[in-house]
Amino acid sequence: MFIDYYEVLEVSPNANTETLERIFRYFAMRYHPDNRETGDEARFSEIVEAHNTLKDPVKRAQYDIAYRDHAGLRRELTEEASSTKGIERDAVIQAKLLSLLYAKRRHDVSDPGIGDVELERLSGCPREHLEFHLWYLKAKGWITRVENGTIAITVEGVDRANSEHRRDPTIRLLDHTAP
């Protein structure tokens, strides 16, 4: 897990060595375990670790590379979270997966599952994205892994697929002839 040392020390990534030292001394005195009023051993250790990394020019340069990568990821997550397109797209993919598994169960009740590779091909969703949707649908109890390792829709999943179809008639349950 990435720890934002600038956040730990409450300084800007542009802070100079003098500022880092001053802030470190302040927090070290405040959170030192010997301080009976405000001592916090875990926080003190975190502050020492942050200080040791940021005061060393080589360690700081290495850390700053990871920091920029993490900041980029945070920015991507923030942009994705503020956009409803991702959530809408996810809902469509999940409905499609339920529809595929619904059609497979209707077509062959004794062998209701679809394998991972086939599900990826039928849904048009790459494996790395499919994992999220399968996790979600499984956690909701709408799909399960059957004895042979394939994925099948559950009774709750059938109910969900039917309720989605009733709520939005433009969602058609796929039949077994779907590509």
N, C-alpha and C. Protein backbone atom coordinates (compact mmCIF):
# COMPACT_ATOMS: atom_id res chain seq x y z
N MET A 1 0.84 -1.18 0.00
CA MET A 1 0.00 0.00 0.00
C MET A 1 0.89 1.25 0.00
N PHE A 2 0.55 2.18 -0.84
CA PHE A 2 1.33 3.41 -0.96
C PHE A 2 1.00 4.34 0.21
N ILE A 3 2.05 4.88 0.83
CA ILE A 3 1.87 5.85 1.91
C ILE A 3 2.35 7.20 1.40
N ASP A 4 1.48 8.19 1.49
CA ASP A 4 1.81 9.54 1.05
C ASP A 4 2.59 10.24 2.16
N TYR A 5 3.91 10.23 2.04
CA TYR A 5 4.76 10.83 3.08
C TYR A 5 4.57 12.34 3.18
N TYR A 6 4.23 12.97 2.08
CA TYR A 6 3.98 14.41 2.14
C TYR A 6 2.73 14.68 2.98
N GLU A 7 1.75 13.81 2.84
CA GLU A 7 0.53 13.94 3.64
C GLU A 7 0.83 13.65 5.12
N VAL A 8 1.66 12.64 5.37
CA VAL A 8 2.03 12.29 6.74
C VAL A 8 2.66 13.49 7.45
N LEU A 9 3.57 14.18 6.73
CA LEU A 9 4.24 15.34 7.32
C LEU A 9 3.48 16.65 7.09
N GLU A 10 2.38 16.56 6.37
CA GLU A 10 1.54 17.73 6.08
C GLU A 10 2.34 18.84 5.42
N VAL A 11 3.11 18.46 4.39
CA VAL A 11 3.91 19.44 3.64
C VAL A 11 3.63 19.26 2.15
N SER A 12 3.99 20.27 1.40
CA SER A 12 3.88 20.22 -0.05
C SER A 12 4.99 19.34 -0.62
N PRO A 13 4.75 18.68 -1.75
CA PRO A 13 5.83 17.94 -2.42
C PRO A 13 7.00 18.85 -2.82
N ASN A 14 6.77 20.16 -2.83
CA ASN A 14 7.82 21.12 -3.16
C ASN A 14 8.59 21.60 -1.93
N ALA A 15 8.27 21.07 -0.76
CA ALA A 15 8.91 21.53 0.48
C ALA A 15 10.42 21.30 0.44
N ASN A 16 11.16 22.31 0.93
CA ASN A 16 12.62 22.19 0.95
C ASN A 16 13.07 21.45 2.21
N THR A 17 14.35 21.16 2.29
CA THR A 17 14.92 20.39 3.40
C THR A 17 14.69 21.08 4.74
N GLU A 18 14.84 22.39 4.77
CA GLU A 18 14.65 23.15 6.01
C GLU A 18 13.21 22.99 6.52
N THR A 19 12.26 23.10 5.64
CA THR A 19 10.84 22.94 6.02
C THR A 19 10.59 21.53 6.53
N LEU A 20 11.12 20.53 5.83
CA LEU A 20 10.94 19.14 6.26
C LEU A 20 11.49 18.93 7.67
N GLU A 21 12.67 19.48 7.95
CA GLU A 21 13.29 19.33 9.28
C GLU A 21 12.44 19.99 10.36
N ARG A 22 11.97 21.19 10.07
CA ARG A 22 11.17 21.94 11.06
C ARG A 22 9.88 21.19 11.38
N ILE A 23 9.19 20.74 10.34
CA ILE A 23 7.93 20.03 10.54
C ILE A 23 8.18 18.69 11.24
N PHE A 24 9.25 18.01 10.83
CA PHE A 24 9.59 16.73 11.48
C PHE A 24 9.81 16.92 12.98
N ARG A 25 10.59 17.91 13.35
CA ARG A 25 10.86 18.14 14.78
C ARG A 25 9.56 18.42 15.54
N TYR A 26 8.68 19.22 14.94
CA TYR A 26 7.40 19.54 15.58
C TYR A 26 6.59 18.26 15.82
N PHE A 27 6.41 17.46 14.76
CA PHE A 27 5.60 16.24 14.89
C PHE A 27 6.29 15.20 15.77
N ALA A 28 7.62 15.12 15.69
CA ALA A 28 8.35 14.14 16.51
C ALA A 28 8.14 14.43 17.99
N MET A 29 8.20 15.70 18.37
CA MET A 29 7.96 16.06 19.78
C MET A 29 6.51 15.77 20.16
N ARG A 30 5.61 16.09 19.27
CA ARG A 30 4.19 15.93 19.57
C ARG A 30 3.78 14.46 19.72
N TYR A 31 4.27 13.60 18.84
CA TYR A 31 3.82 12.21 18.83
C TYR A 31 4.81 11.22 19.43
N HIS A 32 5.91 11.71 19.97
CA HIS A 32 6.89 10.81 20.58
C HIS A 32 6.20 10.00 21.68
N PRO A 33 6.48 8.70 21.75
CA PRO A 33 5.82 7.86 22.75
C PRO A 33 6.03 8.31 24.20
N ASP A 34 7.09 9.07 24.46
CA ASP A 34 7.33 9.57 25.82
C ASP A 34 6.42 10.74 26.19
N ASN A 35 5.77 11.33 25.21
CA ASN A 35 4.86 12.45 25.47
C ASN A 35 3.54 11.86 25.99
N ARG A 36 3.27 12.07 27.27
CA ARG A 36 2.10 11.45 27.90
C ARG A 36 0.78 12.00 27.39
N GLU A 37 0.77 13.23 26.93
CA GLU A 37 -0.49 13.85 26.49
C GLU A 37 -0.86 13.50 25.05
N THR A 38 0.12 13.58 24.16
CA THR A 38 -0.20 13.40 22.73
C THR A 38 0.62 12.30 22.07
N GLY A 39 1.36 11.51 22.85
CA GLY A 39 2.20 10.46 22.28
C GLY A 39 1.39 9.41 21.53
N ASP A 40 1.94 8.99 20.41
CA ASP A 40 1.29 7.98 19.57
C ASP A 40 2.40 7.23 18.83
N GLU A 41 2.72 6.04 19.30
CA GLU A 41 3.86 5.30 18.77
C GLU A 41 3.72 5.00 17.27
N ALA A 42 2.54 4.60 16.84
CA ALA A 42 2.34 4.28 15.42
C ALA A 42 2.53 5.52 14.55
N ARG A 43 1.94 6.62 14.98
CA ARG A 43 2.06 7.88 14.22
C ARG A 43 3.51 8.36 14.23
N PHE A 44 4.20 8.21 15.36
CA PHE A 44 5.60 8.61 15.46
C PHE A 44 6.45 7.80 14.47
N SER A 45 6.24 6.50 14.42
CA SER A 45 7.00 5.64 13.49
C SER A 45 6.75 6.05 12.04
N GLU A 46 5.52 6.37 11.73
CA GLU A 46 5.16 6.81 10.38
C GLU A 46 5.88 8.12 10.03
N ILE A 47 5.93 9.03 10.98
CA ILE A 47 6.60 10.32 10.78
C ILE A 47 8.10 10.13 10.58
N VAL A 48 8.71 9.26 11.37
CA VAL A 48 10.15 8.99 11.24
C VAL A 48 10.44 8.38 9.87
N GLU A 49 9.61 7.42 9.46
CA GLU A 49 9.79 6.78 8.15
C GLU A 49 9.67 7.81 7.02
N ALA A 50 8.67 8.66 7.10
CA ALA A 50 8.48 9.70 6.07
C ALA A 50 9.68 10.64 6.05
N HIS A 51 10.11 11.07 7.20
CA HIS A 51 11.25 11.99 7.30
C HIS A 51 12.52 11.36 6.74
N ASN A 52 12.79 10.12 7.12
CA ASN A 52 14.01 9.43 6.65
C ASN A 52 14.02 9.28 5.13
N THR A 53 12.86 9.09 4.55
CA THR A 53 12.78 8.96 3.09
C THR A 53 12.95 10.31 2.41
N LEU A 54 12.25 11.32 2.90
CA LEU A 54 12.24 12.61 2.21
C LEU A 54 13.49 13.46 2.46
N LYS A 55 14.23 13.19 3.53
CA LYS A 55 15.43 14.00 3.80
C LYS A 55 16.62 13.54 2.95
N ASP A 56 16.60 12.29 2.51
CA ASP A 56 17.69 11.74 1.69
C ASP A 56 17.39 12.03 0.22
N PRO A 57 18.24 12.78 -0.47
CA PRO A 57 17.95 13.18 -1.86
C PRO A 57 17.71 11.99 -2.81
N VAL A 58 18.46 10.91 -2.65
CA VAL A 58 18.30 9.75 -3.53
C VAL A 58 16.97 9.04 -3.24
N LYS A 59 16.72 8.79 -1.95
CA LYS A 59 15.46 8.14 -1.57
C LYS A 59 14.27 9.00 -1.97
N ARG A 60 14.41 10.30 -1.80
CA ARG A 60 13.31 11.21 -2.15
C ARG A 60 13.04 11.19 -3.65
N ALA A 61 14.08 11.16 -4.45
CA ALA A 61 13.90 11.11 -5.91
C ALA A 61 13.18 9.83 -6.31
N GLN A 62 13.57 8.70 -5.70
CA GLN A 62 12.89 7.43 -5.99
C GLN A 62 11.44 7.48 -5.51
N TYR A 63 11.25 8.03 -4.33
CA TYR A 63 9.89 8.13 -3.78
C TYR A 63 9.02 9.03 -4.67
N ASP A 64 9.58 10.13 -5.14
CA ASP A 64 8.81 11.07 -5.97
C ASP A 64 8.31 10.43 -7.26
N ILE A 65 9.06 9.48 -7.80
CA ILE A 65 8.60 8.75 -8.99
C ILE A 65 7.33 7.97 -8.64
N ALA A 66 7.39 7.23 -7.53
CA ALA A 66 6.21 6.47 -7.08
C ALA A 66 5.07 7.41 -6.72
N TYR A 67 5.40 8.55 -6.13
CA TYR A 67 4.38 9.53 -5.73
C TYR A 67 3.63 10.05 -6.96
N ARG A 68 4.37 10.37 -8.03
CA ARG A 68 3.73 10.87 -9.26
C ARG A 68 2.84 9.79 -9.87
N ASP A 69 3.31 8.54 -9.87
CA ASP A 69 2.48 7.44 -10.38
C ASP A 69 1.20 7.32 -9.57
N HIS A 70 1.33 7.39 -8.26
CA HIS A 70 0.16 7.30 -7.38
C HIS A 70 -0.78 8.48 -7.59
N ALA A 71 -0.22 9.67 -7.75
CA ALA A 71 -1.04 10.86 -7.99
C ALA A 71 -1.80 10.72 -9.30
N GLY A 72 -1.15 10.15 -10.31
CA GLY A 72 -1.82 9.91 -11.60
C GLY A 72 -2.97 8.94 -11.45
N LEU A 73 -2.76 7.88 -10.67
CA LEU A 73 -3.82 6.90 -10.43
C LEU A 73 -4.97 7.55 -9.68
N ARG A 74 -4.66 8.37 -8.67
CA ARG A 74 -5.71 9.07 -7.92
C ARG A 74 -6.52 9.96 -8.84
N ARG A 75 -5.83 10.65 -9.75
CA ARG A 75 -6.51 11.54 -10.70
C ARG A 75 -7.44 10.73 -11.61
N GLU A 76 -6.94 9.58 -12.11
CA GLU A 76 -7.77 8.72 -12.95
C GLU A 76 -9.00 8.24 -12.19
N LEU A 77 -8.80 7.80 -10.94
CA LEU A 77 -9.93 7.32 -10.14
C LEU A 77 -10.93 8.44 -9.88
N THR A 78 -10.44 9.63 -9.62
CA THR A 78 -11.32 10.77 -9.39
C THR A 78 -12.13 11.09 -10.63
N GLU A 79 -11.47 11.10 -11.78
CA GLU A 79 -12.18 11.38 -13.03
C GLU A 79 -13.21 10.30 -13.32
N GLU A 80 -12.84 9.03 -13.11
CA GLU A 80 -13.77 7.94 -13.36
C GLU A 80 -14.95 8.00 -12.39
N ALA A 81 -14.68 8.34 -11.14
CA ALA A 81 -15.75 8.41 -10.14
C ALA A 81 -16.71 9.55 -10.43
N SER A 82 -16.22 10.64 -11.02
CA SER A 82 -17.10 11.77 -11.30
C SER A 82 -17.88 11.59 -12.60
N SER A 83 -17.52 10.59 -13.37
CA SER A 83 -18.22 10.32 -14.63
C SER A 83 -19.21 9.19 -14.41
N THR A 84 -20.45 9.40 -14.83
CA THR A 84 -21.45 8.34 -14.70
C THR A 84 -21.37 7.34 -15.84
N LYS A 85 -20.59 7.65 -16.86
CA LYS A 85 -20.47 6.74 -18.00
C LYS A 85 -19.91 5.39 -17.59
N GLY A 86 -18.92 5.39 -16.70
CA GLY A 86 -18.32 4.13 -16.24
C GLY A 86 -19.33 3.27 -15.52
N ILE A 87 -20.12 3.88 -14.66
CA ILE A 87 -21.13 3.15 -13.90
C ILE A 87 -22.22 2.62 -14.83
N GLU A 88 -22.65 3.45 -15.77
CA GLU A 88 -23.66 3.02 -16.73
C GLU A 88 -23.14 1.87 -17.58
N ARG A 89 -21.88 1.96 -18.02
CA ARG A 89 -21.27 0.91 -18.83
C ARG A 89 -21.20 -0.38 -18.02
N ASP A 90 -20.83 -0.27 -16.74
CA ASP A 90 -20.76 -1.45 -15.88
C ASP A 90 -22.12 -2.12 -15.74
N ALA A 91 -23.16 -1.32 -15.57
CA ALA A 91 -24.51 -1.86 -15.43
C ALA A 91 -24.92 -2.62 -16.69
N VAL A 92 -24.55 -2.09 -17.85
CA VAL A 92 -24.88 -2.76 -19.12
C VAL A 92 -24.13 -4.08 -19.22
N ILE A 93 -22.86 -4.09 -18.88
CA ILE A 93 -22.06 -5.32 -18.94
C ILE A 93 -22.62 -6.36 -17.98
N GLN A 94 -22.96 -5.94 -16.78
CA GLN A 94 -23.50 -6.88 -15.79
C GLN A 94 -24.84 -7.45 -16.25
N ALA A 95 -25.68 -6.61 -16.84
CA ALA A 95 -26.96 -7.09 -17.37
C ALA A 95 -26.71 -8.08 -18.51
N LYS A 96 -25.72 -7.80 -19.33
CA LYS A 96 -25.39 -8.69 -20.45
C LYS A 96 -24.90 -10.04 -19.93
N LEU A 97 -24.04 -10.02 -18.91
CA LEU A 97 -23.55 -11.26 -18.33
C LEU A 97 -24.69 -12.09 -17.75
N LEU A 98 -25.57 -11.43 -17.01
CA LEU A 98 -26.73 -12.15 -16.46
C LEU A 98 -27.59 -12.72 -17.57
N SER A 99 -27.77 -11.95 -18.63
CA SER A 99 -28.57 -12.39 -19.76
C SER A 99 -27.95 -13.62 -20.44
N LEU A 100 -26.64 -13.59 -20.63
CA LEU A 100 -25.94 -14.74 -21.22
C LEU A 100 -26.10 -15.99 -20.36
N LEU A 101 -25.89 -15.81 -19.06
CA LEU A 101 -25.99 -16.95 -18.15
C LEU A 101 -27.44 -17.43 -18.00
N TYR A 102 -28.38 -16.51 -18.09
CA TYR A 102 -29.81 -16.86 -18.07
C TYR A 102 -30.13 -17.73 -19.28
N ALA A 103 -29.70 -17.29 -20.45
CA ALA A 103 -29.98 -18.03 -21.69
C ALA A 103 -29.33 -19.41 -21.63
N LYS A 104 -28.12 -19.51 -21.11
CA LYS A 104 -27.44 -20.80 -21.02
C LYS A 104 -28.18 -21.74 -20.09
N ARG A 105 -28.63 -21.23 -18.94
CA ARG A 105 -29.37 -22.09 -17.99
C ARG A 105 -30.69 -22.54 -18.60
N ARG A 106 -31.39 -21.65 -19.29
CA ARG A 106 -32.66 -22.02 -19.94
C ARG A 106 -32.44 -23.08 -21.01
N HIS A 107 -31.33 -22.95 -21.72
CA HIS A 107 -31.04 -23.86 -22.83
C HIS A 107 -30.64 -25.25 -22.32
N ASP A 108 -29.90 -25.31 -21.21
CA ASP A 108 -29.39 -26.59 -20.73
C ASP A 108 -29.30 -26.56 -19.21
N VAL A 109 -30.40 -26.92 -18.55
CA VAL A 109 -30.48 -26.86 -17.09
C VAL A 109 -29.47 -27.80 -16.44
N SER A 110 -29.17 -28.93 -17.08
CA SER A 110 -28.23 -29.89 -16.49
C SER A 110 -26.77 -29.45 -16.62
N ASP A 111 -26.47 -28.57 -17.56
CA ASP A 111 -25.11 -28.02 -17.73
C ASP A 111 -25.24 -26.51 -17.93
N PRO A 112 -25.53 -25.77 -16.82
CA PRO A 112 -25.90 -24.36 -16.95
C PRO A 112 -24.74 -23.38 -17.04
N GLY A 113 -23.51 -23.84 -16.88
CA GLY A 113 -22.39 -22.92 -16.76
C GLY A 113 -21.71 -22.57 -18.07
N ILE A 114 -21.02 -21.44 -18.04
CA ILE A 114 -20.19 -20.99 -19.15
C ILE A 114 -18.79 -20.77 -18.58
N GLY A 115 -17.78 -21.25 -19.31
CA GLY A 115 -16.39 -21.09 -18.87
C GLY A 115 -15.92 -19.65 -18.99
N ASP A 116 -14.84 -19.35 -18.30
CA ASP A 116 -14.30 -17.99 -18.27
C ASP A 116 -13.96 -17.45 -19.65
N VAL A 117 -13.25 -18.27 -20.43
CA VAL A 117 -12.82 -17.81 -21.76
C VAL A 117 -14.03 -17.58 -22.67
N GLU A 118 -14.98 -18.50 -22.62
CA GLU A 118 -16.19 -18.36 -23.44
C GLU A 118 -17.01 -17.14 -22.99
N LEU A 119 -17.09 -16.92 -21.70
CA LEU A 119 -17.82 -15.76 -21.18
C LEU A 119 -17.15 -14.46 -21.62
N GLU A 120 -15.84 -14.46 -21.62
CA GLU A 120 -15.09 -13.29 -22.10
C GLU A 120 -15.40 -13.04 -23.58
N ARG A 121 -15.39 -14.11 -24.37
CA ARG A 121 -15.66 -13.99 -25.80
C ARG A 121 -17.09 -13.53 -26.07
N LEU A 122 -18.05 -14.15 -25.40
CA LEU A 122 -19.46 -13.82 -25.63
C LEU A 122 -19.81 -12.40 -25.17
N SER A 123 -19.22 -11.99 -24.06
CA SER A 123 -19.56 -10.66 -23.51
C SER A 123 -18.79 -9.55 -24.20
N GLY A 124 -17.67 -9.89 -24.83
CA GLY A 124 -16.84 -8.87 -25.45
C GLY A 124 -16.09 -8.03 -24.43
N CYS A 125 -16.01 -8.55 -23.21
CA CYS A 125 -15.37 -7.83 -22.11
C CYS A 125 -14.03 -8.51 -21.80
N PRO A 126 -12.92 -7.76 -21.85
CA PRO A 126 -11.62 -8.37 -21.56
C PRO A 126 -11.55 -8.95 -20.15
N ARG A 127 -10.75 -9.98 -19.98
CA ARG A 127 -10.65 -10.70 -18.71
C ARG A 127 -10.39 -9.77 -17.51
N GLU A 128 -9.47 -8.81 -17.69
CA GLU A 128 -9.13 -7.94 -16.55
C GLU A 128 -10.31 -7.07 -16.13
N HIS A 129 -11.24 -6.78 -17.04
CA HIS A 129 -12.44 -6.02 -16.69
C HIS A 129 -13.54 -6.96 -16.21
N LEU A 130 -13.58 -8.14 -16.81
CA LEU A 130 -14.61 -9.13 -16.47
C LEU A 130 -14.51 -9.54 -15.00
N GLU A 131 -13.31 -9.59 -14.47
CA GLU A 131 -13.11 -10.02 -13.08
C GLU A 131 -13.92 -9.17 -12.11
N PHE A 132 -13.96 -7.86 -12.32
CA PHE A 132 -14.73 -6.99 -11.44
C PHE A 132 -16.22 -7.35 -11.49
N HIS A 133 -16.73 -7.52 -12.70
CA HIS A 133 -18.16 -7.80 -12.86
C HIS A 133 -18.53 -9.17 -12.28
N LEU A 134 -17.66 -10.16 -12.47
CA LEU A 134 -17.93 -11.48 -11.91
C LEU A 134 -17.88 -11.43 -10.38
N TRP A 135 -16.92 -10.67 -9.84
CA TRP A 135 -16.86 -10.51 -8.39
C TRP A 135 -18.16 -9.90 -7.87
N TYR A 136 -18.62 -8.84 -8.52
CA TYR A 136 -19.82 -8.15 -8.07
C TYR A 136 -21.05 -9.07 -8.15
N LEU A 137 -21.24 -9.70 -9.29
CA LEU A 137 -22.40 -10.57 -9.48
C LEU A 137 -22.38 -11.74 -8.50
N LYS A 138 -21.19 -12.27 -8.23
CA LYS A 138 -21.07 -13.37 -7.29
C LYS A 138 -21.37 -12.89 -5.87
N ALA A 139 -20.85 -11.72 -5.49
CA ALA A 139 -21.08 -11.17 -4.15
C ALA A 139 -22.57 -10.89 -3.92
N LYS A 140 -23.29 -10.51 -4.97
CA LYS A 140 -24.73 -10.26 -4.85
C LYS A 140 -25.52 -11.57 -4.79
N GLY A 141 -24.86 -12.70 -5.09
CA GLY A 141 -25.54 -13.99 -5.08
C GLY A 141 -26.27 -14.28 -6.38
N TRP A 142 -25.95 -13.55 -7.44
CA TRP A 142 -26.64 -13.71 -8.72
C TRP A 142 -25.98 -14.74 -9.63
N ILE A 143 -24.70 -15.05 -9.37
CA ILE A 143 -24.00 -16.09 -10.12
C ILE A 143 -23.20 -16.93 -9.14
N THR A 144 -22.77 -18.10 -9.61
CA THR A 144 -21.95 -18.98 -8.78
C THR A 144 -21.08 -19.84 -9.68
N ARG A 145 -20.04 -20.40 -9.11
CA ARG A 145 -19.24 -21.40 -9.83
C ARG A 145 -19.86 -22.76 -9.54
N VAL A 146 -20.11 -23.52 -10.59
CA VAL A 146 -20.68 -24.86 -10.42
C VAL A 146 -19.55 -25.88 -10.33
N GLU A 147 -19.91 -27.15 -10.09
CA GLU A 147 -18.93 -28.21 -9.82
C GLU A 147 -17.84 -28.31 -10.88
N ASN A 148 -18.17 -28.11 -12.14
CA ASN A 148 -17.18 -28.26 -13.21
C ASN A 148 -16.33 -26.99 -13.42
N GLY A 149 -16.50 -25.99 -12.55
CA GLY A 149 -15.67 -24.78 -12.61
C GLY A 149 -16.22 -23.67 -13.49
N THR A 150 -17.33 -23.92 -14.16
CA THR A 150 -17.92 -22.87 -14.99
C THR A 150 -18.80 -21.96 -14.14
N ILE A 151 -19.25 -20.88 -14.73
CA ILE A 151 -20.06 -19.90 -14.02
C ILE A 151 -21.51 -20.04 -14.48
N ALA A 152 -22.43 -20.05 -13.51
CA ALA A 152 -23.85 -20.20 -13.83
C ALA A 152 -24.66 -19.18 -13.05
N ILE A 153 -25.82 -18.86 -13.58
CA ILE A 153 -26.74 -17.95 -12.91
C ILE A 153 -27.46 -18.69 -11.79
N THR A 154 -27.75 -18.00 -10.71
CA THR A 154 -28.48 -18.58 -9.58
C THR A 154 -29.96 -18.22 -9.71
N VAL A 155 -30.77 -18.75 -8.80
CA VAL A 155 -32.19 -18.40 -8.77
C VAL A 155 -32.35 -16.89 -8.57
N GLU A 156 -31.54 -16.33 -7.66
CA GLU A 156 -31.59 -14.89 -7.42
C GLU A 156 -31.18 -14.12 -8.67
N GLY A 157 -30.23 -14.67 -9.42
CA GLY A 157 -29.80 -14.04 -10.67
C GLY A 157 -30.89 -14.06 -11.72
N VAL A 158 -31.63 -15.16 -11.78
CA VAL A 158 -32.76 -15.24 -12.72
C VAL A 158 -33.80 -14.19 -12.35
N ASP A 159 -34.09 -14.09 -11.05
CA ASP A 159 -35.04 -13.07 -10.60
C ASP A 159 -34.55 -11.67 -10.97
N ARG A 160 -33.28 -11.43 -10.79
CA ARG A 160 -32.70 -10.11 -11.12
C ARG A 160 -32.82 -9.84 -12.62
N ALA A 161 -32.46 -10.83 -13.44
CA ALA A 161 -32.55 -10.66 -14.89
C ALA A 161 -33.99 -10.39 -15.31
N ASN A 162 -34.93 -11.11 -14.72
CA ASN A 162 -36.34 -10.88 -15.05
C ASN A 162 -36.81 -9.50 -14.60
N SER A 163 -36.38 -9.06 -13.42
CA SER A 163 -36.82 -7.74 -12.94
C SER A 163 -36.22 -6.63 -13.80
N GLU A 164 -34.99 -6.80 -14.26
CA GLU A 164 -34.38 -5.81 -15.15
C GLU A 164 -35.14 -5.76 -16.47
N HIS A 165 -35.53 -6.91 -16.96
CA HIS A 165 -36.26 -6.97 -18.23
C HIS A 165 -37.63 -6.28 -18.09
N ARG A 166 -38.31 -6.50 -16.95
CA ARG A 166 -39.61 -5.85 -16.73
C ARG A 166 -39.46 -4.35 -16.56
N ARG A 167 -38.39 -3.92 -15.88
CA ARG A 167 -38.17 -2.50 -15.63
C ARG A 167 -37.83 -1.77 -16.92
N ASP A 168 -37.05 -2.38 -17.78
CA ASP A 168 -36.63 -1.76 -19.03
C ASP A 168 -36.84 -2.76 -20.16
N PRO A 169 -37.98 -2.69 -20.84
CA PRO A 169 -38.30 -3.67 -21.87
C PRO A 169 -37.31 -3.67 -23.05
N THR A 170 -36.48 -2.63 -23.16
CA THR A 170 -35.51 -2.62 -24.26
C THR A 170 -34.37 -3.60 -23.98
N ILE A 171 -34.22 -4.04 -22.71
CA ILE A 171 -33.23 -5.06 -22.40
C ILE A 171 -33.83 -6.41 -22.76
N ARG A 172 -33.25 -7.03 -23.74
CA ARG A 172 -33.76 -8.34 -24.17
C ARG A 172 -32.88 -9.42 -23.58
N LEU A 173 -33.52 -10.45 -23.09
CA LEU A 173 -32.74 -11.59 -22.62
C LEU A 173 -32.21 -12.30 -23.85
N LEU A 174 -30.93 -12.56 -23.86
CA LEU A 174 -30.30 -13.19 -25.01
C LEU A 174 -30.79 -14.62 -25.15
N ASP A 175 -30.85 -15.10 -26.37
CA ASP A 175 -31.17 -16.51 -26.55
C ASP A 175 -29.88 -17.27 -26.82
N HIS A 176 -29.98 -18.57 -26.90
CA HIS A 176 -28.79 -19.40 -27.04
C HIS A 176 -28.10 -19.25 -28.39
N THR A 177 -28.71 -18.57 -29.33
CA THR A 177 -28.10 -18.38 -30.65
C THR A 177 -27.22 -17.14 -30.71
N ALA A 178 -27.13 -16.42 -29.60
CA ALA A 178 -26.31 -15.19 -29.59
C ALA A 178 -24.86 -15.55 -29.84
N PRO A 179 -24.13 -14.70 -30.59
CA PRO A 179 -22.72 -15.01 -30.88
C PRO A 179 -21.86 -14.95 -29.65
